[in-house]
Amino acid sequence: MNHIEQLASDWPHPFDIQFLHGQVTTGGRQLERVTVRAIVLRGDRLLLVHSRVNGDLMFPGGGIEQGECHSAALARELREECGAELVAIGALLGQTREYRAAREADYDAYCIRSFYYLCQVGEDWNEPQPQPYEVRLGFTPGWFELDDALQTNKTQLAGPCPQWTARETRVLAELHHWHESGLLA
């Protein structure tokens, strides 16, 4: 059994984290956008994407395109953002749901629902193929120590930052808790 399979078979109940951005009614009609995020471990390091503009770190991932399954979206996002090849998908470690007021008149809330999967990537890397907005934000993939990544994002939360920084920081904190509990040893 490889490291990924071991973690997936021993994983506790997945996390479920919710955020409300502003005054939002979550009990009404919701417009939902589904995204996937890859949690890739190499020893004590995580594969993350750093924004040179915002200074924060995020897990590789993004929105699921029309007709795409979670695994295909993870493979595409890892290739685009990191130049990495997805080799295996492990456990669903958890999800986040971010609610904000909907701009569309037929909806009360807009929800970004992100699923976080334990993933394994291959040894061969290619040049990332970022989207134009990712180029503008200076997205650069790299391997980061969990403690350093969590501290970096906590520091960014003290000032103006994108809404996703709060989400990624909470997921990093969850992983840090699991690491402290010996689950990510």
Protein backbone atom coordinates (compact mmCIF):
# COMPACT_ATOMS: atom_id res chain seq x y z
CA MET A 1 0.00 0.00 0.00
CA ASN A 2 1.51 3.37 -0.99
CA HIS A 3 1.52 6.50 1.19
CA ILE A 4 -1.58 7.98 -0.48
CA GLU A 5 -3.61 4.77 -0.05
CA GLN A 6 -2.54 4.56 3.59
CA LEU A 7 -3.69 8.12 4.32
CA ALA A 8 -6.96 7.64 2.44
CA SER A 9 -7.81 4.42 4.29
CA ASP A 10 -7.03 5.93 7.72
CA TRP A 11 -8.63 9.35 7.19
CA PRO A 12 -11.18 10.67 9.74
CA HIS A 13 -14.53 12.19 8.83
CA PRO A 14 -14.11 14.78 6.06
CA PHE A 15 -14.21 18.43 7.06
CA ASP A 16 -17.17 20.62 6.12
CA ILE A 17 -16.41 24.33 6.44
CA GLN A 18 -18.86 27.13 5.64
CA PHE A 19 -18.22 30.84 5.08
CA LEU A 20 -20.66 33.71 4.80
CA HIS A 21 -19.30 36.71 2.91
CA GLY A 22 -21.55 39.62 3.87
CA GLN A 23 -25.29 39.48 4.51
CA VAL A 24 -26.49 36.30 2.81
CA THR A 25 -29.68 34.27 2.98
CA THR A 26 -28.65 30.62 2.62
CA GLY A 27 -32.11 29.07 3.03
CA GLY A 28 -33.47 30.27 -0.30
CA ARG A 29 -32.63 29.60 -3.93
CA GLN A 30 -28.92 29.15 -4.51
CA LEU A 31 -26.77 29.33 -7.60
CA GLU A 32 -23.91 26.89 -7.03
CA ARG A 33 -20.48 26.71 -8.65
CA VAL A 34 -18.59 23.47 -8.00
CA THR A 35 -14.81 23.42 -7.81
CA VAL A 36 -12.18 20.80 -6.98
CA ARG A 37 -8.88 21.27 -5.14
CA ALA A 38 -5.86 18.95 -4.99
CA ILE A 39 -4.02 18.24 -1.76
CA VAL A 40 -0.65 16.88 -2.88
CA LEU A 41 1.85 15.81 -0.22
CA ARG A 42 5.56 15.03 -0.56
CA GLY A 43 6.91 14.28 2.89
CA ASP A 44 6.18 17.35 5.01
CA ARG A 45 5.53 19.57 2.01
CA LEU A 46 2.40 20.54 0.11
CA LEU A 47 2.12 21.47 -3.55
CA LEU A 48 0.55 24.93 -3.48
CA VAL A 49 0.16 27.88 -5.82
CA HIS A 50 1.64 31.18 -4.64
CA SER A 51 0.27 34.51 -5.86
CA ARG A 52 3.12 37.00 -6.23
CA VAL A 53 0.51 39.81 -6.33
CA ASN A 54 -1.54 38.85 -3.24
CA GLY A 55 1.19 36.99 -1.34
CA ASP A 56 -1.13 34.13 -0.39
CA LEU A 57 -1.02 30.38 -1.05
CA MET A 58 -3.79 28.19 -2.42
CA PHE A 59 -4.36 24.58 -3.36
CA PRO A 60 -4.25 23.82 -7.09
CA GLY A 61 -7.75 23.59 -8.47
CA GLY A 62 -10.69 25.39 -9.95
CA GLY A 63 -14.13 25.15 -11.46
CA ILE A 64 -15.54 22.06 -13.10
CA GLU A 65 -16.28 22.66 -16.76
CA GLN A 66 -19.45 21.50 -18.53
CA GLY A 67 -19.52 17.68 -18.76
CA GLU A 68 -16.36 17.26 -16.70
CA CYS A 69 -16.07 14.85 -13.75
CA HIS A 70 -14.10 15.67 -10.59
CA SER A 71 -11.07 13.57 -11.62
CA ALA A 72 -10.87 15.15 -15.09
CA ALA A 73 -11.12 18.64 -13.56
CA LEU A 74 -8.38 17.83 -11.03
CA ALA A 75 -6.11 16.53 -13.82
CA ARG A 76 -6.74 19.63 -15.96
CA GLU A 77 -6.21 22.08 -13.09
CA LEU A 78 -2.98 20.40 -11.92
CA ARG A 79 -1.67 20.48 -15.50
CA GLU A 80 -2.68 24.14 -16.06
CA GLU A 81 -1.60 25.60 -12.71
CA CYS A 82 1.41 23.42 -11.86
CA GLY A 83 2.47 21.52 -14.97
CA ALA A 84 1.90 18.32 -12.99
CA GLU A 85 0.39 15.02 -14.13
CA LEU A 86 -2.31 13.55 -11.89
CA VAL A 87 -1.43 9.90 -11.17
CA ALA A 88 -3.96 8.95 -8.47
CA ILE A 89 -6.84 10.39 -6.49
CA GLY A 90 -7.25 9.35 -2.88
CA ALA A 91 -9.90 10.24 -0.34
CA LEU A 92 -12.23 13.19 -0.39
CA LEU A 93 -10.77 15.01 2.63
CA GLY A 94 -13.54 17.56 2.89
CA GLN A 95 -15.42 20.43 1.38
CA THR A 96 -15.97 24.13 1.83
CA ARG A 97 -19.02 26.18 0.97
CA GLU A 98 -18.68 29.92 0.51
CA TYR A 99 -21.87 31.95 0.36
CA ARG A 100 -22.25 35.49 -0.91
CA ALA A 101 -25.18 37.54 -2.15
CA ALA A 102 -26.29 36.53 -5.63
CA ARG A 103 -26.11 39.06 -8.44
CA GLU A 104 -28.80 37.18 -10.36
CA ALA A 105 -32.37 38.26 -9.54
CA ASP A 106 -33.70 34.66 -9.41
CA TYR A 107 -31.33 33.63 -6.58
CA ASP A 108 -30.85 34.55 -2.93
CA ALA A 109 -27.26 33.31 -2.65
CA TYR A 110 -24.28 32.33 -4.73
CA CYS A 111 -22.35 29.35 -3.35
CA ILE A 112 -18.87 28.21 -4.31
CA ARG A 113 -18.60 24.59 -3.22
CA SER A 114 -15.03 23.26 -3.21
CA PHE A 115 -14.15 19.57 -2.83
CA TYR A 116 -10.63 18.80 -1.54
CA TYR A 117 -9.08 15.49 -2.67
CA LEU A 118 -5.86 13.83 -1.66
CA CYS A 119 -3.93 13.48 -4.92
CA GLN A 120 -0.68 12.02 -6.16
CA VAL A 121 1.25 13.52 -9.07
CA GLY A 122 3.94 12.02 -11.28
CA GLU A 123 7.64 12.78 -11.31
CA ASP A 124 7.64 14.46 -14.75
CA TRP A 125 6.68 18.13 -14.81
CA ASN A 126 5.83 20.41 -17.71
CA GLU A 127 5.52 24.16 -18.00
CA PRO A 128 2.25 25.37 -16.35
CA GLN A 129 -0.41 26.74 -18.70
CA PRO A 130 -2.12 29.38 -16.55
CA GLN A 131 -5.29 31.23 -17.44
CA PRO A 132 -4.92 34.99 -18.15
CA TYR A 133 -6.16 35.99 -14.67
CA GLU A 134 -3.65 33.54 -13.10
CA VAL A 135 -0.86 35.23 -15.07
CA ARG A 136 -2.05 38.67 -13.82
CA LEU A 137 -1.98 37.39 -10.22
CA GLY A 138 1.51 35.94 -10.67
CA PHE A 139 0.53 32.34 -9.86
CA THR A 140 3.60 30.18 -9.30
CA PRO A 141 3.51 26.54 -8.10
CA GLY A 142 5.87 25.29 -5.43
CA TRP A 143 6.40 22.96 -2.50
CA PHE A 144 5.75 24.53 0.91
CA GLU A 145 6.06 23.30 4.49
CA LEU A 146 2.58 23.09 6.06
CA ASP A 147 3.48 25.32 9.02
CA ASP A 148 5.04 27.95 6.75
CA ALA A 149 2.06 27.92 4.39
CA LEU A 150 -0.41 28.33 7.25
CA GLN A 151 1.60 31.21 8.73
CA THR A 152 1.93 32.90 5.33
CA ASN A 153 -1.83 32.88 4.82
CA LYS A 154 -2.59 33.96 8.40
CA THR A 155 -0.32 36.95 7.82
CA GLN A 156 -2.17 37.78 4.59
CA LEU A 157 -5.53 37.68 6.41
CA ALA A 158 -4.39 40.64 8.54
CA GLY A 159 -4.66 42.95 5.53
CA PRO A 160 -6.73 43.19 2.37
CA CYS A 161 -6.78 39.83 0.59
CA PRO A 162 -9.01 37.81 -1.74
CA GLN A 163 -11.94 35.98 -0.15
CA TRP A 164 -10.38 32.63 -1.08
CA THR A 165 -7.50 33.28 1.32
CA ALA A 166 -9.83 32.71 4.30
CA ARG A 167 -11.00 29.42 2.77
CA GLU A 168 -7.51 28.13 2.02
CA THR A 169 -6.25 29.19 5.45
CA ARG A 170 -9.03 27.23 7.18
CA VAL A 171 -8.21 24.12 5.13
CA LEU A 172 -4.50 24.52 5.92
CA ALA A 173 -5.44 24.82 9.61
CA GLU A 174 -7.47 21.60 9.35
CA LEU A 175 -4.51 19.80 7.77
CA HIS A 176 -2.23 21.26 10.47
CA HIS A 177 -4.56 19.87 13.14
CA TRP A 178 -4.43 16.43 11.47
CA HIS A 179 -0.64 16.71 11.25
CA GLU A 180 -0.42 17.55 14.97
CA SER A 181 -2.67 14.54 15.68
CA GLY A 182 -0.27 12.28 13.80
CA LEU A 183 -2.54 11.64 10.81
CA LEU A 184 -0.23 13.38 8.34
CA ALA A 185 2.97 11.93 9.79
